[in-house]
């Protein structure tokens, strides 16, 4: 099971989410894909995630989190013991989003939403100061991220599998190049449907 968590102001219609969903559907694994629209409230977002994963065992769940979704994914992985793949994750979301209090629109919809001051406190409540069991984490960070500092990401996940990409951008517009790495970490076959496995 893969739970994908989008970033601030994003949605299940994001580029990366669409690529992943299409690949899993082509592999006949559409039922293994969860990608909810997250509420603006971090506490509500976490509650929704916990409800969605339900009774899935930690060894059958991988959470993929982008930006703010990576912040959520880190807390959830610590609580649930599952794997987490982090795509340019927010490391200090409580600090970074304190300046975003107010009304916003989504990137993929004109629908407005309000980021309230108390949401910053909710982010602080789920902050992971130091990860445990780094083997369950995979960090994909880009040095060209124009929103977040990739060095903070690198330093926050010591001992984890890390793929630091030279260049690119916050949204990882070239994600299709790196998607096999992410899915492979989640235990998903990345060969094209009908492709025979290597004989050796």
C-alpha atoms as a PDB file:
ATOM      1  CA  UNK A   1       0.000   0.000   0.000  1.00  0.00           C
ATOM      2  CA  UNK A   2       1.256   3.468  -0.900  1.00  0.00           C
ATOM      3  CA  UNK A   3      -0.097   6.582   0.772  1.00  0.00           C
ATOM      4  CA  UNK A   4       0.896   9.741  -1.111  1.00  0.00           C
ATOM      5  CA  UNK A   5       0.795  13.051   0.744  1.00  0.00           C
ATOM      6  CA  UNK A   6       0.933  16.231  -1.306  1.00  0.00           C
ATOM      7  CA  UNK A   7       2.442  19.539  -0.262  1.00  0.00           C
ATOM      8  CA  UNK A   8       1.115  22.906   0.858  1.00  0.00           C
ATOM      9  CA  UNK A   9      -1.468  24.283  -1.598  1.00  0.00           C
ATOM     10  CA  UNK A  10      -1.130  21.140  -3.708  1.00  0.00           C
ATOM     11  CA  UNK A  11      -3.575  18.343  -4.420  1.00  0.00           C
ATOM     12  CA  UNK A  12      -3.942  14.750  -5.659  1.00  0.00           C
ATOM     13  CA  UNK A  13      -3.837  16.234  -9.177  1.00  0.00           C
ATOM     14  CA  UNK A  14      -0.162  17.152  -8.812  1.00  0.00           C
ATOM     15  CA  UNK A  15       2.358  16.086 -11.448  1.00  0.00           C
ATOM     16  CA  UNK A  16       4.186  13.598  -9.221  1.00  0.00           C
ATOM     17  CA  UNK A  17       0.989  12.070  -7.865  1.00  0.00           C
ATOM     18  CA  UNK A  18      -0.373  11.599 -11.386  1.00  0.00           C
ATOM     19  CA  UNK A  19       2.806   9.886 -12.583  1.00  0.00           C
ATOM     20  CA  UNK A  20       2.790   7.487  -9.641  1.00  0.00           C
ATOM     21  CA  UNK A  21      -0.919   6.739  -9.933  1.00  0.00           C
ATOM     22  CA  UNK A  22      -0.634   6.044 -13.662  1.00  0.00           C
ATOM     23  CA  UNK A  23       2.300   3.680 -13.174  1.00  0.00           C
ATOM     24  CA  UNK A  24       0.575   1.734 -10.419  1.00  0.00           C
ATOM     25  CA  UNK A  25      -2.613   1.489 -12.486  1.00  0.00           C
ATOM     26  CA  UNK A  26      -0.600   0.152 -15.428  1.00  0.00           C
ATOM     27  CA  UNK A  27       0.835  -2.501 -13.102  1.00  0.00           C
ATOM     28  CA  UNK A  28      -2.663  -3.476 -11.955  1.00  0.00           C
ATOM     29  CA  UNK A  29      -1.975  -1.985  -8.530  1.00  0.00           C
ATOM     30  CA  UNK A  30      -4.508   0.845  -8.502  1.00  0.00           C
ATOM     31  CA  UNK A  31      -6.065  -0.542  -5.320  1.00  0.00           C
ATOM     32  CA  UNK A  32      -2.689  -0.158  -3.594  1.00  0.00           C
ATOM     33  CA  UNK A  33      -2.776   3.633  -4.078  1.00  0.00           C
ATOM     34  CA  UNK A  34      -4.159   6.204  -1.652  1.00  0.00           C
ATOM     35  CA  UNK A  35      -3.853   9.919  -2.358  1.00  0.00           C
ATOM     36  CA  UNK A  36      -6.275  12.077  -0.362  1.00  0.00           C
ATOM     37  CA  UNK A  37      -6.872  15.796  -0.528  1.00  0.00           C
ATOM     38  CA  UNK A  38      -5.378  16.878   2.773  1.00  0.00           C
ATOM     39  CA  UNK A  39      -7.203  19.379   4.985  1.00  0.00           C
ATOM     40  CA  UNK A  40      -5.518  22.696   5.696  1.00  0.00           C
ATOM     41  CA  UNK A  41      -5.352  21.779   9.384  1.00  0.00           C
ATOM     42  CA  UNK A  42      -2.265  19.625  10.065  1.00  0.00           C
ATOM     43  CA  UNK A  43      -4.024  17.882  12.949  1.00  0.00           C
ATOM     44  CA  UNK A  44      -6.952  16.988  10.699  1.00  0.00           C
ATOM     45  CA  UNK A  45      -4.568  15.874   7.948  1.00  0.00           C
ATOM     46  CA  UNK A  46      -2.792  13.504  10.334  1.00  0.00           C
ATOM     47  CA  UNK A  47      -6.098  12.121  11.621  1.00  0.00           C
ATOM     48  CA  UNK A  48      -7.231  11.486   8.044  1.00  0.00           C
ATOM     49  CA  UNK A  49      -4.003   9.647   7.240  1.00  0.00           C
ATOM     50  CA  UNK A  50      -4.266   7.450  10.314  1.00  0.00           C
ATOM     51  CA  UNK A  51      -7.860   6.628   9.385  1.00  0.00           C
ATOM     52  CA  UNK A  52      -6.905   5.756   5.803  1.00  0.00           C
ATOM     53  CA  UNK A  53      -4.050   3.406   6.656  1.00  0.00           C
ATOM     54  CA  UNK A  54      -6.207   1.673   9.255  1.00  0.00           C
ATOM     55  CA  UNK A  55      -4.894  -1.749  10.128  1.00  0.00           C
ATOM     56  CA  UNK A  56      -2.220  -2.034   7.423  1.00  0.00           C
ATOM     57  CA  UNK A  57       0.924  -3.614   8.839  1.00  0.00           C
ATOM     58  CA  UNK A  58       4.042  -1.485   8.887  1.00  0.00           C
ATOM     59  CA  UNK A  59       5.774  -3.810   6.422  1.00  0.00           C
ATOM     60  CA  UNK A  60       3.082  -3.380   3.780  1.00  0.00           C
ATOM     61  CA  UNK A  61       2.822   0.427   3.885  1.00  0.00           C
ATOM     62  CA  UNK A  62       5.048   3.077   2.338  1.00  0.00           C
ATOM     63  CA  UNK A  63       4.219   6.748   2.703  1.00  0.00           C
ATOM     64  CA  UNK A  64       5.467   9.064  -0.038  1.00  0.00           C
ATOM     65  CA  UNK A  65       5.434  12.682   1.048  1.00  0.00           C
ATOM     66  CA  UNK A  66       6.220  15.787  -0.981  1.00  0.00           C
ATOM     67  CA  UNK A  67       7.230  19.048   0.728  1.00  0.00           C
ATOM     68  CA  UNK A  68       4.754  19.507   3.624  1.00  0.00           C
ATOM     69  CA  UNK A  69       3.581  15.970   2.900  1.00  0.00           C
ATOM     70  CA  UNK A  70       7.121  14.842   3.677  1.00  0.00           C
ATOM     71  CA  UNK A  71       6.875  16.507   7.085  1.00  0.00           C
ATOM     72  CA  UNK A  72       3.665  14.577   7.746  1.00  0.00           C
ATOM     73  CA  UNK A  73       5.166  11.367   6.358  1.00  0.00           C
ATOM     74  CA  UNK A  74       8.119  11.595   8.743  1.00  0.00           C
ATOM     75  CA  UNK A  75       5.879  11.873  11.806  1.00  0.00           C
ATOM     76  CA  UNK A  76       3.651   9.057  10.566  1.00  0.00           C
ATOM     77  CA  UNK A  77       6.621   6.778   9.857  1.00  0.00           C
ATOM     78  CA  UNK A  78       7.890   7.343  13.375  1.00  0.00           C
ATOM     79  CA  UNK A  79       4.484   6.493  14.833  1.00  0.00           C
ATOM     80  CA  UNK A  80       3.603   3.577  12.564  1.00  0.00           C
ATOM     81  CA  UNK A  81       7.023   2.051  11.926  1.00  0.00           C
ATOM     82  CA  UNK A  82       6.451   2.044   8.165  1.00  0.00           C
ATOM     83  CA  UNK A  83       8.724   3.206   5.347  1.00  0.00           C
ATOM     84  CA  UNK A  84       8.689   6.782   4.068  1.00  0.00           C
ATOM     85  CA  UNK A  85       9.985   8.238   0.808  1.00  0.00           C
ATOM     86  CA  UNK A  86      10.462  11.982   1.114  1.00  0.00           C
ATOM     87  CA  UNK A  87      10.455  14.279  -1.913  1.00  0.00           C
ATOM     88  CA  UNK A  88      11.998  17.674  -1.097  1.00  0.00           C
ATOM     89  CA  UNK A  89      10.415  17.427   2.358  1.00  0.00           C
ATOM     90  CA  UNK A  90       9.771  20.348   4.666  1.00  0.00           C
ATOM     91  CA  UNK A  91      11.992  19.816   7.705  1.00  0.00           C
ATOM     92  CA  UNK A  92      10.923  22.883   9.690  1.00  0.00           C
ATOM     93  CA  UNK A  93       7.343  23.320   8.499  1.00  0.00           C
ATOM     94  CA  UNK A  94       6.320  25.163  11.650  1.00  0.00           C
ATOM     95  CA  UNK A  95       8.996  27.779  10.928  1.00  0.00           C
ATOM     96  CA  UNK A  96       8.533  27.919   7.159  1.00  0.00           C
ATOM     97  CA  UNK A  97       4.736  28.178   7.126  1.00  0.00           C
ATOM     98  CA  UNK A  98       4.441  30.730   9.907  1.00  0.00           C
ATOM     99  CA  UNK A  99       4.614  33.380   7.180  1.00  0.00           C
ATOM    100  CA  UNK A 100       1.781  31.733   5.223  1.00  0.00           C
ATOM    101  CA  UNK A 101      -1.035  32.421   7.677  1.00  0.00           C
ATOM    102  CA  UNK A 102      -3.988  33.780   5.712  1.00  0.00           C
ATOM    103  CA  UNK A 103      -6.138  32.927   2.690  1.00  0.00           C
ATOM    104  CA  UNK A 104      -4.709  30.979  -0.248  1.00  0.00           C
ATOM    105  CA  UNK A 105      -5.869  29.149  -3.362  1.00  0.00           C
ATOM    106  CA  UNK A 106      -4.759  25.697  -4.428  1.00  0.00           C
ATOM    107  CA  UNK A 107      -2.364  25.289  -7.353  1.00  0.00           C
ATOM    108  CA  UNK A 108      -4.789  22.982  -9.143  1.00  0.00           C
ATOM    109  CA  UNK A 109      -8.065  24.660  -8.194  1.00  0.00           C
ATOM    110  CA  UNK A 110      -9.418  28.179  -7.672  1.00  0.00           C
ATOM    111  CA  UNK A 111     -11.024  27.010  -4.431  1.00  0.00           C
ATOM    112  CA  UNK A 112      -9.774  29.153  -1.522  1.00  0.00           C
ATOM    113  CA  UNK A 113      -8.629  27.860   1.840  1.00  0.00           C
ATOM    114  CA  UNK A 114      -7.445  29.575   4.996  1.00  0.00           C
ATOM    115  CA  UNK A 115      -4.263  28.684   6.856  1.00  0.00           C
ATOM    116  CA  UNK A 116      -4.983  29.678  10.444  1.00  0.00           C
ATOM    117  CA  UNK A 117      -2.433  30.767  13.085  1.00  0.00           C
ATOM    118  CA  UNK A 118      -3.200  27.710  15.215  1.00  0.00           C
ATOM    119  CA  UNK A 119      -2.109  25.462  12.354  1.00  0.00           C
ATOM    120  CA  UNK A 120       1.480  26.565  12.998  1.00  0.00           C
ATOM    121  CA  UNK A 121       1.129  25.206  16.536  1.00  0.00           C
ATOM    122  CA  UNK A 122      -0.300  21.972  15.138  1.00  0.00           C
ATOM    123  CA  UNK A 123       2.795  21.645  12.935  1.00  0.00           C
ATOM    124  CA  UNK A 124       5.055  22.174  15.945  1.00  0.00           C
ATOM    125  CA  UNK A 125       3.179  19.414  17.791  1.00  0.00           C
ATOM    126  CA  UNK A 126       4.180  16.807  15.193  1.00  0.00           C
ATOM    127  CA  UNK A 127       7.752  17.938  14.611  1.00  0.00           C
ATOM    128  CA  UNK A 128      10.281  15.096  14.552  1.00  0.00           C
ATOM    129  CA  UNK A 129      13.526  16.420  15.957  1.00  0.00           C
ATOM    130  CA  UNK A 130      15.510  13.280  15.171  1.00  0.00           C
ATOM    131  CA  UNK A 131      14.518  10.229  13.153  1.00  0.00           C
ATOM    132  CA  UNK A 132      14.902   6.679  14.394  1.00  0.00           C
ATOM    133  CA  UNK A 133      15.601   3.610  12.244  1.00  0.00           C
ATOM    134  CA  UNK A 134      17.010   5.561   9.275  1.00  0.00           C
ATOM    135  CA  UNK A 135      16.842   2.441   7.092  1.00  0.00           C
ATOM    136  CA  UNK A 136      13.116   2.981   6.686  1.00  0.00           C
ATOM    137  CA  UNK A 137      13.619   6.402   5.055  1.00  0.00           C
ATOM    138  CA  UNK A 138      14.490   7.421   1.502  1.00  0.00           C
ATOM    139  CA  UNK A 139      15.247  11.077   0.841  1.00  0.00           C
ATOM    140  CA  UNK A 140      15.071  12.547  -2.648  1.00  0.00           C
ATOM    141  CA  UNK A 141      16.265  16.155  -2.554  1.00  0.00           C
ATOM    142  CA  UNK A 142      17.149  18.596  -5.321  1.00  0.00           C
ATOM    143  CA  UNK A 143      19.848  21.243  -5.023  1.00  0.00           C
ATOM    144  CA  UNK A 144      17.783  23.516  -7.273  1.00  0.00           C
ATOM    145  CA  UNK A 145      14.844  23.645  -4.823  1.00  0.00           C
ATOM    146  CA  UNK A 146      13.780  27.290  -4.853  1.00  0.00           C
ATOM    147  CA  UNK A 147      11.538  26.946  -1.777  1.00  0.00           C
ATOM    148  CA  UNK A 148      13.376  24.772   0.754  1.00  0.00           C
ATOM    149  CA  UNK A 149      17.047  24.199   1.578  1.00  0.00           C
ATOM    150  CA  UNK A 150      18.194  20.757   0.447  1.00  0.00           C
ATOM    151  CA  UNK A 151      21.031  20.817   2.999  1.00  0.00           C
ATOM    152  CA  UNK A 152      18.531  20.913   5.841  1.00  0.00           C
ATOM    153  CA  UNK A 153      16.865  17.863   4.313  1.00  0.00           C
ATOM    154  CA  UNK A 154      20.160  16.015   3.965  1.00  0.00           C
ATOM    155  CA  UNK A 155      21.157  16.747   7.546  1.00  0.00           C
ATOM    156  CA  UNK A 156      17.753  15.822   8.983  1.00  0.00           C
ATOM    157  CA  UNK A 157      17.873  12.241   7.645  1.00  0.00           C
ATOM    158  CA  UNK A 158      21.352  10.981   8.603  1.00  0.00           C
ATOM    159  CA  UNK A 159      21.936   7.342   7.745  1.00  0.00           C
ATOM    160  CA  UNK A 160      18.918   7.179   5.448  1.00  0.00           C
ATOM    161  CA  UNK A 161      19.128   6.277   1.789  1.00  0.00           C
ATOM    162  CA  UNK A 162      19.616   9.608   0.030  1.00  0.00           C
ATOM    163  CA  UNK A 163      19.450  10.683  -3.585  1.00  0.00           C
ATOM    164  CA  UNK A 164      20.619  14.283  -3.956  1.00  0.00           C
ATOM    165  CA  UNK A 165      19.883  15.563  -7.448  1.00  0.00           C
ATOM    166  CA  UNK A 166      21.995  18.377  -8.843  1.00  0.00           C
ATOM    167  CA  UNK A 167      19.619  21.038 -10.106  1.00  0.00           C
ATOM    168  CA  UNK A 168      15.910  20.440 -10.800  1.00  0.00           C
ATOM    169  CA  UNK A 169      13.382  22.388  -8.689  1.00  0.00           C
ATOM    170  CA  UNK A 170      11.052  22.181  -5.711  1.00  0.00           C
ATOM    171  CA  UNK A 171       8.311  20.389  -7.636  1.00  0.00           C
ATOM    172  CA  UNK A 172      10.876  17.956  -9.136  1.00  0.00           C
ATOM    173  CA  UNK A 173       9.632  18.575 -12.665  1.00  0.00           C
ATOM    174  CA  UNK A 174      11.874  15.752 -13.905  1.00  0.00           C
ATOM    175  CA  UNK A 175      10.360  13.299 -11.405  1.00  0.00           C
ATOM    176  CA  UNK A 176       9.741  10.689 -14.100  1.00  0.00           C
ATOM    177  CA  UNK A 177      13.527  10.143 -14.181  1.00  0.00           C
ATOM    178  CA  UNK A 178      13.649   9.339 -10.475  1.00  0.00           C
ATOM    179  CA  UNK A 179      10.276   7.657  -9.978  1.00  0.00           C
ATOM    180  CA  UNK A 180      11.706   4.113 -10.383  1.00  0.00           C
ATOM    181  CA  UNK A 181      14.014   4.764  -7.419  1.00  0.00           C
ATOM    182  CA  UNK A 182      11.070   5.836  -5.272  1.00  0.00           C
ATOM    183  CA  UNK A 183       8.862   2.932  -6.293  1.00  0.00           C
ATOM    184  CA  UNK A 184      11.712   0.477  -5.917  1.00  0.00           C
ATOM    185  CA  UNK A 185      12.165   1.632  -2.330  1.00  0.00           C
ATOM    186  CA  UNK A 186       8.461   0.942  -1.821  1.00  0.00           C
ATOM    187  CA  UNK A 187       8.905  -2.576  -3.205  1.00  0.00           C
ATOM    188  CA  UNK A 188       7.002  -1.875  -6.428  1.00  0.00           C
ATOM    189  CA  UNK A 189       8.137  -3.483  -9.690  1.00  0.00           C
ATOM    190  CA  UNK A 190       9.135  -0.665 -12.029  1.00  0.00           C
ATOM    191  CA  UNK A 191       9.402  -2.706 -15.222  1.00  0.00           C
ATOM    192  CA  UNK A 192       6.902  -2.004 -17.958  1.00  0.00           C
ATOM    193  CA  UNK A 193       3.885  -4.357 -17.895  1.00  0.00           C
ATOM    194  CA  UNK A 194       4.675  -7.591 -19.723  1.00  0.00           C
ATOM    195  CA  UNK A 195       8.437  -7.190 -19.388  1.00  0.00           C
ATOM    196  CA  UNK A 196      10.165 -10.371 -18.325  1.00  0.00           C
ATOM    197  CA  UNK A 197      12.504 -10.207 -15.330  1.00  0.00           C
ATOM    198  CA  UNK A 198      16.223 -10.517 -15.853  1.00  0.00           C
ATOM    199  CA  UNK A 199      17.311 -14.143 -16.327  1.00  0.00           C
ATOM    200  CA  UNK A 200      20.482 -13.892 -14.263  1.00  0.00           C
END
